[in-house]
Amino acid sequence: MVTRSHGVRWGTKKKLRKSSRTPITKYLQSFEEGEAVVILPDSASPRGMPFPRFKGLAGRVAGKRGGAYIISVMDGNKRKILAVKPEHIRRLSQ
């Protein structure tokens, strides 16, 4: 027998469920370098979506690469750099 393949989004039917459409303003928002943001993946747009492990993590915008933003987050005690599209990040209210 062949072992079953498990892709990147395997087992995420409930995690990535969405009940409403994403407004166009989410795709058009812009962020400044150094701004604090929260990663909240939007399952309606799979391109540029971070791995589900990073859901809810706060980080800082380190720059921009194409249409995505470079987000610096702490994963445990290690700093990680993520390229995330704007519809998957929100400003951190302070």
PDB file of N, CA and C in Angstrom:
ATOM      1  N   MET A   1       0.841  -1.199   0.000  1.00  0.00           N
ATOM      2  CA  MET A   1       0.000   0.000   0.000  1.00  0.00           C
ATOM      3  C   MET A   1       0.882   1.257   0.000  1.00  0.00           C
ATOM      4  N   VAL A   2       0.353   2.255  -0.619  1.00  0.00           N
ATOM      5  CA  VAL A   2       1.043   3.528  -0.689  1.00  0.00           C
ATOM      6  C   VAL A   2       0.592   4.382   0.494  1.00  0.00           C
ATOM      7  N   THR A   3       1.532   5.106   1.108  1.00  0.00           N
ATOM      8  CA  THR A   3       1.162   5.967   2.234  1.00  0.00           C
ATOM      9  C   THR A   3       0.400   7.181   1.718  1.00  0.00           C
ATOM     10  N   ARG A   4      -0.537   7.625   2.511  1.00  0.00           N
ATOM     11  CA  ARG A   4      -1.386   8.746   2.142  1.00  0.00           C
ATOM     12  C   ARG A   4      -0.593  10.054   2.225  1.00  0.00           C
ATOM     13  N   SER A   5      -0.726  10.899   1.205  1.00  0.00           N
ATOM     14  CA  SER A   5      -0.010  12.174   1.226  1.00  0.00           C
ATOM     15  C   SER A   5      -0.803  13.193   2.041  1.00  0.00           C
ATOM     16  N   HIS A   6      -0.097  14.013   2.748  1.00  0.00           N
ATOM     17  CA  HIS A   6      -0.704  15.060   3.568  1.00  0.00           C
ATOM     18  C   HIS A   6      -0.118  16.381   3.114  1.00  0.00           C
ATOM     19  N   GLY A   7      -0.909  17.185   2.437  1.00  0.00           N
ATOM     20  CA  GLY A   7      -0.442  18.474   1.939  1.00  0.00           C
ATOM     21  C   GLY A   7      -0.372  19.519   3.040  1.00  0.00           C
ATOM     22  N   VAL A   8      -0.056  20.727   2.656  1.00  0.00           N
ATOM     23  CA  VAL A   8       0.104  21.831   3.613  1.00  0.00           C
ATOM     24  C   VAL A   8      -1.203  22.145   4.334  1.00  0.00           C
ATOM     25  N   ARG A   9      -2.354  22.078   3.631  1.00  0.00           N
ATOM     26  CA  ARG A   9      -3.635  22.433   4.248  1.00  0.00           C
ATOM     27  C   ARG A   9      -4.436  21.216   4.676  1.00  0.00           C
ATOM     28  N   TRP A  10      -3.778  20.082   4.873  1.00  0.00           N
ATOM     29  CA  TRP A  10      -4.449  18.866   5.299  1.00  0.00           C
ATOM     30  C   TRP A  10      -4.952  19.013   6.729  1.00  0.00           C
ATOM     31  N   GLY A  11      -6.202  18.623   6.994  1.00  0.00           N
ATOM     32  CA  GLY A  11      -6.775  18.660   8.339  1.00  0.00           C
ATOM     33  C   GLY A  11      -7.171  20.046   8.807  1.00  0.00           C
ATOM     34  N   THR A  12      -7.429  20.976   7.888  1.00  0.00           N
ATOM     35  CA  THR A  12      -7.749  22.344   8.295  1.00  0.00           C
ATOM     36  C   THR A  12      -9.171  22.754   7.891  1.00  0.00           C
ATOM     37  N   LYS A  13     -10.056  21.793   7.700  1.00  0.00           N
ATOM     38  CA  LYS A  13     -11.411  22.113   7.245  1.00  0.00           C
ATOM     39  C   LYS A  13     -12.126  23.055   8.210  1.00  0.00           C
ATOM     40  N   LYS A  14     -11.996  22.810   9.498  1.00  0.00           N
ATOM     41  CA  LYS A  14     -12.665  23.669  10.477  1.00  0.00           C
ATOM     42  C   LYS A  14     -11.816  24.883  10.846  1.00  0.00           C
ATOM     43  N   LYS A  15     -10.501  24.729  10.864  1.00  0.00           N
ATOM     44  CA  LYS A  15      -9.617  25.835  11.224  1.00  0.00           C
ATOM     45  C   LYS A  15      -9.722  26.992  10.241  1.00  0.00           C
ATOM     46  N   LEU A  16      -9.819  26.659   8.940  1.00  0.00           N
ATOM     47  CA  LEU A  16      -9.796  27.687   7.911  1.00  0.00           C
ATOM     48  C   LEU A  16     -11.166  27.957   7.296  1.00  0.00           C
ATOM     49  N   ARG A  17     -12.230  27.647   8.023  1.00  0.00           N
ATOM     50  CA  ARG A  17     -13.581  27.895   7.525  1.00  0.00           C
ATOM     51  C   ARG A  17     -13.904  29.384   7.629  1.00  0.00           C
ATOM     52  N   LYS A  18     -14.661  29.870   6.673  1.00  0.00           N
ATOM     53  CA  LYS A  18     -15.015  31.287   6.645  1.00  0.00           C
ATOM     54  C   LYS A  18     -16.497  31.422   6.320  1.00  0.00           C
ATOM     55  N   SER A  19     -17.199  32.316   7.025  1.00  0.00           N
ATOM     56  CA  SER A  19     -18.639  32.427   6.850  1.00  0.00           C
ATOM     57  C   SER A  19     -19.055  33.611   5.980  1.00  0.00           C
ATOM     58  N   SER A  20     -18.146  34.543   5.716  1.00  0.00           N
ATOM     59  CA  SER A  20     -18.538  35.711   4.930  1.00  0.00           C
ATOM     60  C   SER A  20     -17.434  36.083   3.945  1.00  0.00           C
ATOM     61  N   ARG A  21     -17.775  36.969   3.021  1.00  0.00           N
ATOM     62  CA  ARG A  21     -16.799  37.418   2.037  1.00  0.00           C
ATOM     63  C   ARG A  21     -15.858  38.455   2.640  1.00  0.00           C
ATOM     64  N   THR A  22     -14.691  38.551   2.066  1.00  0.00           N
ATOM     65  CA  THR A  22     -13.701  39.523   2.505  1.00  0.00           C
ATOM     66  C   THR A  22     -13.922  40.836   1.763  1.00  0.00           C
ATOM     67  N   PRO A  23     -14.044  41.959   2.479  1.00  0.00           N
ATOM     68  CA  PRO A  23     -14.203  43.241   1.792  1.00  0.00           C
ATOM     69  C   PRO A  23     -12.932  43.611   1.029  1.00  0.00           C
ATOM     70  N   ILE A  24     -13.091  44.345  -0.061  1.00  0.00           N
ATOM     71  CA  ILE A  24     -11.967  44.704  -0.921  1.00  0.00           C
ATOM     72  C   ILE A  24     -10.941  45.568  -0.192  1.00  0.00           C
ATOM     73  N   THR A  25     -11.368  46.290   0.839  1.00  0.00           N
ATOM     74  CA  THR A  25     -10.445  47.151   1.567  1.00  0.00           C
ATOM     75  C   THR A  25      -9.360  46.357   2.291  1.00  0.00           C
ATOM     76  N   LYS A  26      -9.616  45.097   2.628  1.00  0.00           N
ATOM     77  CA  LYS A  26      -8.606  44.258   3.277  1.00  0.00           C
ATOM     78  C   LYS A  26      -7.426  43.996   2.336  1.00  0.00           C
ATOM     79  N   TYR A  27      -7.722  43.872   1.033  1.00  0.00           N
ATOM     80  CA  TYR A  27      -6.679  43.610   0.042  1.00  0.00           C
ATOM     81  C   TYR A  27      -5.874  44.866  -0.279  1.00  0.00           C
ATOM     82  N   LEU A  28      -6.470  46.046  -0.053  1.00  0.00           N
ATOM     83  CA  LEU A  28      -5.852  47.305  -0.436  1.00  0.00           C
ATOM     84  C   LEU A  28      -5.192  48.048   0.716  1.00  0.00           C
ATOM     85  N   GLN A  29      -5.255  47.528   1.932  1.00  0.00           N
ATOM     86  CA  GLN A  29      -4.678  48.246   3.061  1.00  0.00           C
ATOM     87  C   GLN A  29      -3.159  48.267   2.970  1.00  0.00           C
ATOM     88  N   SER A  30      -2.561  49.309   3.546  1.00  0.00           N
ATOM     89  CA  SER A  30      -1.108  49.432   3.524  1.00  0.00           C
ATOM     90  C   SER A  30      -0.593  49.635   4.943  1.00  0.00           C
ATOM     91  N   PHE A  31       0.662  49.247   5.157  1.00  0.00           N
ATOM     92  CA  PHE A  31       1.288  49.311   6.472  1.00  0.00           C
ATOM     93  C   PHE A  31       2.643  49.996   6.352  1.00  0.00           C
ATOM     94  N   GLU A  32       3.033  50.663   7.411  1.00  0.00           N
ATOM     95  CA  GLU A  32       4.326  51.328   7.459  1.00  0.00           C
ATOM     96  C   GLU A  32       5.353  50.395   8.099  1.00  0.00           C
ATOM     97  N   GLU A  33       6.609  50.607   7.774  1.00  0.00           N
ATOM     98  CA  GLU A  33       7.680  49.814   8.362  1.00  0.00           C
ATOM     99  C   GLU A  33       7.770  50.117   9.865  1.00  0.00           C
ATOM    100  N   GLY A  34       7.854  49.076  10.689  1.00  0.00           N
ATOM    101  CA  GLY A  34       7.924  49.225  12.136  1.00  0.00           C
ATOM    102  C   GLY A  34       6.570  49.180  12.822  1.00  0.00           C
ATOM    103  N   GLU A  35       5.505  49.108  12.059  1.00  0.00           N
ATOM    104  CA  GLU A  35       4.153  49.081  12.623  1.00  0.00           C
ATOM    105  C   GLU A  35       3.850  47.708  13.233  1.00  0.00           C
ATOM    106  N   ALA A  36       3.146  47.684  14.373  1.00  0.00           N
ATOM    107  CA  ALA A  36       2.777  46.432  15.038  1.00  0.00           C
ATOM    108  C   ALA A  36       1.528  45.855  14.391  1.00  0.00           C
ATOM    109  N   VAL A  37       1.582  44.560  14.056  1.00  0.00           N
ATOM    110  CA  VAL A  37       0.459  43.894  13.390  1.00  0.00           C
ATOM    111  C   VAL A  37       0.214  42.527  14.022  1.00  0.00           C
ATOM    112  N   VAL A  38      -0.993  41.994  13.763  1.00  0.00           N
ATOM    113  CA  VAL A  38      -1.377  40.651  14.213  1.00  0.00           C
ATOM    114  C   VAL A  38      -1.651  39.817  12.965  1.00  0.00           C
ATOM    115  N   ILE A  39      -1.205  38.559  12.980  1.00  0.00           N
ATOM    116  CA  ILE A  39      -1.422  37.663  11.847  1.00  0.00           C
ATOM    117  C   ILE A  39      -2.724  36.907  12.057  1.00  0.00           C
ATOM    118  N   LEU A  40      -3.699  37.143  11.171  1.00  0.00           N
ATOM    119  CA  LEU A  40      -4.978  36.453  11.201  1.00  0.00           C
ATOM    120  C   LEU A  40      -5.284  35.980   9.782  1.00  0.00           C
ATOM    121  N   PRO A  41      -4.945  34.724   9.453  1.00  0.00           N
ATOM    122  CA  PRO A  41      -5.122  34.230   8.084  1.00  0.00           C
ATOM    123  C   PRO A  41      -6.578  34.282   7.616  1.00  0.00           C
ATOM    124  N   ASP A  42      -6.761  34.664   6.359  1.00  0.00           N
ATOM    125  CA  ASP A  42      -8.065  34.730   5.718  1.00  0.00           C
ATOM    126  C   ASP A  42      -8.132  33.591   4.709  1.00  0.00           C
ATOM    127  N   SER A  43      -8.951  32.590   4.968  1.00  0.00           N
ATOM    128  CA  SER A  43      -8.982  31.389   4.142  1.00  0.00           C
ATOM    129  C   SER A  43      -9.562  31.625   2.759  1.00  0.00           C
ATOM    130  N   ALA A  44     -10.214  32.757   2.536  1.00  0.00           N
ATOM    131  CA  ALA A  44     -10.755  33.056   1.219  1.00  0.00           C
ATOM    132  C   ALA A  44      -9.651  33.367   0.215  1.00  0.00           C
ATOM    133  N   SER A  45      -8.475  33.712   0.718  1.00  0.00           N
ATOM    134  CA  SER A  45      -7.344  34.039  -0.145  1.00  0.00           C
ATOM    135  C   SER A  45      -6.146  33.183   0.257  1.00  0.00           C
ATOM    136  N   PRO A  46      -5.957  32.011  -0.361  1.00  0.00           N
ATOM    137  CA  PRO A  46      -4.867  31.133   0.048  1.00  0.00           C
ATOM    138  C   PRO A  46      -3.479  31.624  -0.336  1.00  0.00           C
ATOM    139  N   ARG A  47      -3.371  32.512  -1.321  1.00  0.00           N
ATOM    140  CA  ARG A  47      -2.051  33.010  -1.724  1.00  0.00           C
ATOM    141  C   ARG A  47      -1.516  33.986  -0.690  1.00  0.00           C
ATOM    142  N   GLY A  48      -0.284  33.799  -0.284  1.00  0.00           N
ATOM    143  CA  GLY A  48       0.339  34.687   0.688  1.00  0.00           C
ATOM    144  C   GLY A  48      -0.137  34.449   2.102  1.00  0.00           C
ATOM    145  N   MET A  49      -0.783  33.310   2.342  1.00  0.00           N
ATOM    146  CA  MET A  49      -1.283  32.996   3.678  1.00  0.00           C
ATOM    147  C   MET A  49      -0.187  32.299   4.484  1.00  0.00           C
ATOM    148  N   PRO A  50       0.065  32.754   5.718  1.00  0.00           N
ATOM    149  CA  PRO A  50       1.087  32.105   6.532  1.00  0.00           C
ATOM    150  C   PRO A  50       0.618  30.744   7.050  1.00  0.00           C
ATOM    151  N   PHE A  51       1.562  29.954   7.503  1.00  0.00           N
ATOM    152  CA  PHE A  51       1.256  28.645   8.074  1.00  0.00           C
ATOM    153  C   PHE A  51       0.356  28.836   9.298  1.00  0.00           C
ATOM    154  N   PRO A  52      -0.638  27.941   9.529  1.00  0.00           N
ATOM    155  CA  PRO A  52      -1.583  28.120  10.648  1.00  0.00           C
ATOM    156  C   PRO A  52      -0.936  28.236  12.032  1.00  0.00           C
ATOM    157  N   ARG A  53       0.295  27.784  12.193  1.00  0.00           N
ATOM    158  CA  ARG A  53       0.985  27.900  13.480  1.00  0.00           C
ATOM    159  C   ARG A  53       1.129  29.359  13.906  1.00  0.00           C
ATOM    160  N   PHE A  54       1.220  30.273  12.941  1.00  0.00           N
ATOM    161  CA  PHE A  54       1.455  31.681  13.240  1.00  0.00           C
ATOM    162  C   PHE A  54       0.173  32.475  13.456  1.00  0.00           C
ATOM    163  N   LYS A  55      -0.990  31.818  13.455  1.00  0.00           N
ATOM    164  CA  LYS A  55      -2.274  32.496  13.658  1.00  0.00           C
ATOM    165  C   LYS A  55      -2.314  33.152  15.036  1.00  0.00           C
ATOM    166  N   GLY A  56      -2.623  34.444  15.052  1.00  0.00           N
ATOM    167  CA  GLY A  56      -2.766  35.186  16.300  1.00  0.00           C
ATOM    168  C   GLY A  56      -1.481  35.773  16.849  1.00  0.00           C
ATOM    169  N   LEU A  57      -0.338  35.528  16.214  1.00  0.00           N
ATOM    170  CA  LEU A  57       0.925  36.071  16.706  1.00  0.00           C
ATOM    171  C   LEU A  57       1.063  37.534  16.315  1.00  0.00           C
ATOM    172  N   ALA A  58       1.645  38.310  17.204  1.00  0.00           N
ATOM    173  CA  ALA A  58       1.899  39.721  16.934  1.00  0.00           C
ATOM    174  C   ALA A  58       3.340  39.874  16.476  1.00  0.00           C
ATOM    175  N   GLY A  59       3.561  40.810  15.586  1.00  0.00           N
ATOM    176  CA  GLY A  59       4.898  41.060  15.081  1.00  0.00           C
ATOM    177  C   GLY A  59       5.015  42.479  14.557  1.00  0.00           C
ATOM    178  N   ARG A  60       6.139  42.757  13.919  1.00  0.00           N
ATOM    179  CA  ARG A  60       6.400  44.085  13.363  1.00  0.00           C
ATOM    180  C   ARG A  60       6.651  43.971  11.867  1.00  0.00           C
ATOM    181  N   VAL A  61       6.205  44.988  11.151  1.00  0.00           N
ATOM    182  CA  VAL A  61       6.455  45.034   9.712  1.00  0.00           C
ATOM    183  C   VAL A  61       7.915  45.425   9.514  1.00  0.00           C
ATOM    184  N   ALA A  62       8.668  44.549   8.839  1.00  0.00           N
ATOM    185  CA  ALA A  62      10.093  44.801   8.609  1.00  0.00           C
ATOM    186  C   ALA A  62      10.357  45.383   7.229  1.00  0.00           C
ATOM    187  N   GLY A  63       9.388  45.287   6.321  1.00  0.00           N
ATOM    188  CA  GLY A  63       9.567  45.819   4.978  1.00  0.00           C
ATOM    189  C   GLY A  63       8.481  45.301   4.060  1.00  0.00           C
ATOM    190  N   LYS A  64       8.691  45.527   2.757  1.00  0.00           N
ATOM    191  CA  LYS A  64       7.723  45.079   1.767  1.00  0.00           C
ATOM    192  C   LYS A  64       8.471  44.360   0.659  1.00  0.00           C
ATOM    193  N   ARG A  65       7.891  43.265   0.171  1.00  0.00           N
ATOM    194  CA  ARG A  65       8.478  42.495  -0.923  1.00  0.00           C
ATOM    195  C   ARG A  65       7.376  42.192  -1.922  1.00  0.00           C
ATOM    196  N   GLY A  66       7.373  42.913  -3.033  1.00  0.00           N
ATOM    197  CA  GLY A  66       6.304  42.771  -4.011  1.00  0.00           C
ATOM    198  C   GLY A  66       4.997  43.246  -3.404  1.00  0.00           C
ATOM    199  N   GLY A  67       3.958  42.397  -3.453  1.00  0.00           N
ATOM    200  CA  GLY A  67       2.674  42.744  -2.862  1.00  0.00           C
ATOM    201  C   GLY A  67       2.538  42.295  -1.425  1.00  0.00           C
ATOM    202  N   ALA A  68       3.571  41.638  -0.877  1.00  0.00           N
ATOM    203  CA  ALA A  68       3.514  41.106   0.488  1.00  0.00           C
ATOM    204  C   ALA A  68       4.351  41.957   1.432  1.00  0.00           C
ATOM    205  N   TYR A  69       4.053  41.824   2.708  1.00  0.00           N
ATOM    206  CA  TYR A  69       4.816  42.504   3.745  1.00  0.00           C
ATOM    207  C   TYR A  69       5.677  41.488   4.477  1.00  0.00           C
ATOM    208  N   ILE A  70       6.870  41.904   4.870  1.00  0.00           N
ATOM    209  CA  ILE A  70       7.768  41.052   5.633  1.00  0.00           C
ATOM    210  C   ILE A  70       7.473  41.317   7.103  1.00  0.00           C
ATOM    211  N   ILE A  71       7.033  40.275   7.803  1.00  0.00           N
ATOM    212  CA  ILE A  71       6.650  40.387   9.210  1.00  0.00           C
ATOM    213  C   ILE A  71       7.664  39.623  10.053  1.00  0.00           C
ATOM    214  N   SER A  72       8.162  40.262  11.090  1.00  0.00           N
ATOM    215  CA  SER A  72       9.112  39.646  12.013  1.00  0.00           C
ATOM    216  C   SER A  72       8.355  39.255  13.286  1.00  0.00           C
ATOM    217  N   VAL A  73       8.318  37.948  13.606  1.00  0.00           N
ATOM    218  CA  VAL A  73       7.599  37.449  14.784  1.00  0.00           C
ATOM    219  C   VAL A  73       8.522  36.568  15.613  1.00  0.00           C
ATOM    220  N   MET A  74       8.179  36.401  16.883  1.00  0.00           N
ATOM    221  CA  MET A  74       8.905  35.487  17.755  1.00  0.00           C
ATOM    222  C   MET A  74       8.116  34.190  17.834  1.00  0.00           C
ATOM    223  N   ASP A  75       8.769  33.084  17.481  1.00  0.00           N
ATOM    224  CA  ASP A  75       8.178  31.747  17.578  1.00  0.00           C
ATOM    225  C   ASP A  75       8.936  31.020  18.681  1.00  0.00           C
ATOM    226  N   GLY A  76       8.383  31.064  19.891  1.00  0.00           N
ATOM    227  CA  GLY A  76       9.117  30.550  21.048  1.00  0.00           C
ATOM    228  C   GLY A  76      10.199  31.558  21.393  1.00  0.00           C
ATOM    229  N   ASN A  77      11.466  31.145  21.340  1.00  0.00           N
ATOM    230  CA  ASN A  77      12.558  32.076  21.606  1.00  0.00           C
ATOM    231  C   ASN A  77      13.387  32.325  20.350  1.00  0.00           C
ATOM    232  N   LYS A  78      12.779  32.097  19.170  1.00  0.00           N
ATOM    233  CA  LYS A  78      13.483  32.289  17.908  1.00  0.00           C
ATOM    234  C   LYS A  78      12.721  33.280  17.032  1.00  0.00           C
ATOM    235  N   ARG A  79      13.438  34.241  16.450  1.00  0.00           N
ATOM    236  CA  ARG A  79      12.818  35.226  15.569  1.00  0.00           C
ATOM    237  C   ARG A  79      12.644  34.614  14.186  1.00  0.00           C
ATOM    238  N   LYS A  80      11.435  34.765  13.629  1.00  0.00           N
ATOM    239  CA  LYS A  80      11.142  34.246  12.296  1.00  0.00           C
ATOM    240  C   LYS A  80      10.653  35.382  11.411  1.00  0.00           C
ATOM    241  N   ILE A  81      10.946  35.266  10.134  1.00  0.00           N
ATOM    242  CA  ILE A  81      10.558  36.258   9.145  1.00  0.00           C
ATOM    243  C   ILE A  81       9.530  35.613   8.212  1.00  0.00           C
ATOM    244  N   LEU A  82       8.368  36.262   8.053  1.00  0.00           N
ATOM    245  CA  LEU A  82       7.290  35.739   7.211  1.00  0.00           C
ATOM    246  C   LEU A  82       6.952  36.751   6.129  1.00  0.00           C
ATOM    247  N   ALA A  83       6.658  36.264   4.936  1.00  0.00           N
ATOM    248  CA  ALA A  83       6.147  37.113   3.856  1.00  0.00           C
ATOM    249  C   ALA A  83       4.643  36.879   3.797  1.00  0.00           C
ATOM    250  N   VAL A  84       3.867  37.911   4.142  1.00  0.00           N
ATOM    251  CA  VAL A  84       2.417  37.770   4.291  1.00  0.00           C
ATOM    252  C   VAL A  84       1.707  38.854   3.486  1.00  0.00           C
ATOM    253  N   LYS A  85       0.669  38.456   2.750  1.00  0.00           N
ATOM    254  CA  LYS A  85      -0.132  39.424   1.993  1.00  0.00           C
ATOM    255  C   LYS A  85      -0.976  40.252   2.961  1.00  0.00           C
ATOM    256  N   PRO A  86      -1.372  41.470   2.568  1.00  0.00           N
ATOM    257  CA  PRO A  86      -2.068  42.382   3.492  1.00  0.00           C
ATOM    258  C   PRO A  86      -3.414  41.894   4.002  1.00  0.00           C
ATOM    259  N   GLU A  87      -4.107  41.012   3.282  1.00  0.00           N
ATOM    260  CA  GLU A  87      -5.414  40.548   3.764  1.00  0.00           C
ATOM    261  C   GLU A  87      -5.296  39.606   4.959  1.00  0.00           C
ATOM    262  N   HIS A  88      -4.087  39.138   5.273  1.00  0.00           N
ATOM    263  CA  HIS A  88      -3.877  38.221   6.382  1.00  0.00           C
ATOM    264  C   HIS A  88      -3.318  38.889   7.632  1.00  0.00           C
ATOM    265  N   ILE A  89      -3.143  40.215   7.599  1.00  0.00           N
ATOM    266  CA  ILE A  89      -2.621  40.917   8.770  1.00  0.00           C
ATOM    267  C   ILE A  89      -3.531  42.094   9.125  1.00  0.00           C
ATOM    268  N   ARG A  90      -3.557  42.414  10.413  1.00  0.00           N
ATOM    269  CA  ARG A  90      -4.367  43.535  10.926  1.00  0.00           C
ATOM    270  C   ARG A  90      -3.503  44.373  11.865  1.00  0.00           C
ATOM    271  N   ARG A  91      -3.812  45.644  11.929  1.00  0.00           N
ATOM    272  CA  ARG A  91      -3.093  46.522  12.845  1.00  0.00           C
ATOM    273  C   ARG A  91      -3.358  46.118  14.281  1.00  0.00           C
ATOM    274  N   LEU A  92      -2.344  46.218  15.110  1.00  0.00           N
ATOM    275  CA  LEU A  92      -2.477  45.926  16.526  1.00  0.00           C
ATOM    276  C   LEU A  92      -2.927  47.209  17.206  1.00  0.00           C
ATOM    277  N   SER A  93      -4.118  47.201  17.781  1.00  0.00           N
ATOM    278  CA  SER A  93      -4.645  48.410  18.436  1.00  0.00           C
ATOM    279  C   SER A  93      -3.919  48.620  19.749  1.00  0.00           C
ATOM    280  N   GLN A  94      -3.444  49.846  19.936  1.00  0.00           N
ATOM    281  CA  GLN A  94      -2.675  50.154  21.153  1.00  0.00           C
ATOM    282  C   GLN A  94      -3.339  51.241  21.938  1.00  0.00           C
TER     283      GLN A  94
END
